[in-house]
C-alpha atoms as a PDB file:
ATOM      1  CA  MET A   1       0.006   0.006  -0.008  1.00  0.00           C
ATOM      2  CA  LYS A   2       1.350   3.412  -0.928  1.00  0.00           C
ATOM      3  CA  LYS A   3       1.872   5.978   1.743  1.00  0.00           C
ATOM      4  CA  LYS A   4      -0.254   9.134   1.528  1.00  0.00           C
ATOM      5  CA  ILE A   5       1.675  12.244   0.814  1.00  0.00           C
ATOM      6  CA  THR A   6       1.064  14.667   3.602  1.00  0.00           C
ATOM      7  CA  ASN A   7       3.634  17.303   2.734  1.00  0.00           C
ATOM      8  CA  LYS A   8       4.758  17.678  -0.868  1.00  0.00           C
ATOM      9  CA  ASN A   9       7.967  19.412   0.215  1.00  0.00           C
ATOM     10  CA  ASN A  10       9.038  16.526   2.460  1.00  0.00           C
ATOM     11  CA  LEU A  11      10.934  13.956   0.326  1.00  0.00           C
ATOM     12  CA  ALA A  12      10.473  11.283   2.956  1.00  0.00           C
ATOM     13  CA  ASP A  13       6.750  11.350   2.225  1.00  0.00           C
ATOM     14  CA  TRP A  14       7.211  10.442  -1.444  1.00  0.00           C
ATOM     15  CA  THR A  15       6.906   6.859  -2.562  1.00  0.00           C
ATOM     16  CA  HIS A  16       8.635   5.327  -5.603  1.00  0.00           C
ATOM     17  CA  SER A  17       7.514   2.736  -8.037  1.00  0.00           C
ATOM     18  CA  SER A  18       8.937  -0.775  -7.623  1.00  0.00           C
ATOM     19  CA  ALA A  19      10.856  -2.445 -10.453  1.00  0.00           C
ATOM     20  CA  ALA A  20       7.836  -4.641 -11.172  1.00  0.00           C
ATOM     21  CA  GLU A  21       5.627  -1.484 -11.432  1.00  0.00           C
ATOM     22  CA  LEU A  22       8.024   0.193 -13.752  1.00  0.00           C
ATOM     23  CA  LYS A  23       8.188  -2.904 -15.983  1.00  0.00           C
ATOM     24  CA  SER A  24       4.406  -3.023 -16.232  1.00  0.00           C
ATOM     25  CA  TYR A  25       4.273   0.730 -17.043  1.00  0.00           C
ATOM     26  CA  LYS A  26       6.753   0.197 -19.845  1.00  0.00           C
ATOM     27  CA  LYS A  27       4.763  -2.725 -21.226  1.00  0.00           C
ATOM     28  CA  ALA A  28       1.578  -0.683 -21.202  1.00  0.00           C
ATOM     29  CA  ILE A  29       3.192   2.209 -23.007  1.00  0.00           C
ATOM     30  CA  GLU A  30       4.738  -0.127 -25.615  1.00  0.00           C
ATOM     31  CA  LYS A  31       1.332  -1.818 -26.220  1.00  0.00           C
ATOM     32  CA  LYS A  32      -0.469   1.529 -26.527  1.00  0.00           C
ATOM     33  CA  LEU A  33       2.097   3.021 -28.915  1.00  0.00           C
ATOM     34  CA  GLY A  34       2.809  -0.125 -30.798  1.00  0.00           C
ATOM     35  CA  VAL A  35       6.602   0.384 -30.495  1.00  0.00           C
ATOM     36  CA  LYS A  36       9.363  -1.161 -28.425  1.00  0.00           C
ATOM     37  CA  LEU A  37      10.921   1.268 -25.950  1.00  0.00           C
ATOM     38  CA  GLY A  38      14.636   1.333 -25.480  1.00  0.00           C
ATOM     39  CA  PRO A  39      17.552   3.756 -25.301  1.00  0.00           C
ATOM     40  CA  PRO A  40      17.414   6.597 -27.766  1.00  0.00           C
ATOM     41  CA  PHE A  41      19.096   6.047 -31.135  1.00  0.00           C
ATOM     42  CA  LYS A  42      22.504   7.665 -31.503  1.00  0.00           C
ATOM     43  CA  LYS A  43      24.313   8.589 -34.718  1.00  0.00           C
ATOM     44  CA  ALA A  44      27.597   6.840 -35.353  1.00  0.00           C
ATOM     45  CA  ASP A  45      29.649   9.882 -34.399  1.00  0.00           C
ATOM     46  CA  GLU A  46      27.741  10.223 -31.098  1.00  0.00           C
ATOM     47  CA  LYS A  47      28.259   6.651 -29.887  1.00  0.00           C
ATOM     48  CA  TYR A  48      30.844   6.072 -27.200  1.00  0.00           C
ATOM     49  CA  ILE A  49      33.768   3.761 -27.764  1.00  0.00           C
ATOM     50  CA  PRO A  50      34.759   1.637 -24.776  1.00  0.00           C
ATOM     51  CA  THR A  51      38.318   2.433 -23.862  1.00  0.00           C
ATOM     52  CA  TYR A  52      40.840   2.149 -21.083  1.00  0.00           C
ATOM     53  CA  ILE A  53      43.037   5.000 -19.982  1.00  0.00           C
ATOM     54  CA  LYS A  54      45.282   5.516 -16.972  1.00  0.00           C
ATOM     55  CA  LEU A  55      44.648   8.817 -15.192  1.00  0.00           C
ATOM     56  CA  ASN A  56      46.327  10.572 -12.291  1.00  0.00           C
ATOM     57  CA  PRO A  57      44.361   9.958  -9.039  1.00  0.00           C
ATOM     58  CA  LYS A  58      44.027  13.698  -8.690  1.00  0.00           C
ATOM     59  CA  ILE A  59      41.979  13.824 -11.890  1.00  0.00           C
ATOM     60  CA  ILE A  60      39.638  11.111 -10.637  1.00  0.00           C
ATOM     61  CA  LYS A  61      39.257  12.806  -7.285  1.00  0.00           C
ATOM     62  CA  TRP A  62      38.478  16.144  -9.000  1.00  0.00           C
ATOM     63  CA  ALA A  63      35.989  14.549 -11.392  1.00  0.00           C
ATOM     64  CA  LYS A  64      34.178  12.671  -8.593  1.00  0.00           C
ATOM     65  CA  LYS A  65      33.938  15.892  -6.617  1.00  0.00           C
ATOM     66  CA  ILE A  66      32.375  17.777  -9.521  1.00  0.00           C
ATOM     67  CA  ALA A  67      30.122  14.812 -10.394  1.00  0.00           C
ATOM     68  CA  LEU A  68      28.765  14.682  -6.844  1.00  0.00           C
ATOM     69  CA  LYS A  69      27.869  18.379  -6.990  1.00  0.00           C
ATOM     70  CA  LYS A  70      26.154  18.036 -10.396  1.00  0.00           C
ATOM     71  CA  GLY A  71      24.536  14.670  -9.688  1.00  0.00           C
ATOM     72  CA  ILE A  72      26.191  12.951 -12.641  1.00  0.00           C
ATOM     73  CA  GLY A  73      28.806  10.288 -13.189  1.00  0.00           C
ATOM     74  CA  TYR A  74      32.475  11.132 -12.837  1.00  0.00           C
ATOM     75  CA  GLN A  75      33.245   9.703 -16.332  1.00  0.00           C
ATOM     76  CA  THR A  76      30.680  12.111 -17.753  1.00  0.00           C
ATOM     77  CA  VAL A  77      32.552  14.999 -16.188  1.00  0.00           C
ATOM     78  CA  ILE A  78      35.849  13.870 -17.735  1.00  0.00           C
ATOM     79  CA  ASN A  79      34.168  13.253 -21.128  1.00  0.00           C
ATOM     80  CA  ASP A  80      32.490  16.657 -21.111  1.00  0.00           C
ATOM     81  CA  GLU A  81      35.764  18.427 -20.350  1.00  0.00           C
ATOM     82  CA  LEU A  82      37.575  16.533 -23.075  1.00  0.00           C
ATOM     83  CA  LEU A  83      34.821  17.389 -25.577  1.00  0.00           C
ATOM     84  CA  LYS A  84      35.204  21.105 -24.656  1.00  0.00           C
ATOM     85  CA  LYS A  85      38.956  20.888 -25.435  1.00  0.00           C
ATOM     86  CA  ALA A  86      38.364  18.984 -28.666  1.00  0.00           C
ATOM     87  CA  ALA A  87      35.835  21.520 -30.061  1.00  0.00           C
END
């Protein structure tokens, strides 16, 4: 049973859908639209290439600090900075 939201500003009052509920939502949307849902299509030049690179620990620490502030992954921070330099 879902908890009634008493105060919209209190995050503790919010309930989240379970994995099973999310799966059923996705199936219902796919059935209604007649299409299979998945990750968005990317052009060949937008796809990431899996790679391995050794970085100084200071870089990783910096990227993780920025990522935590922005709420994104640290690899995304590094990738974004490299893309800025490449442009």
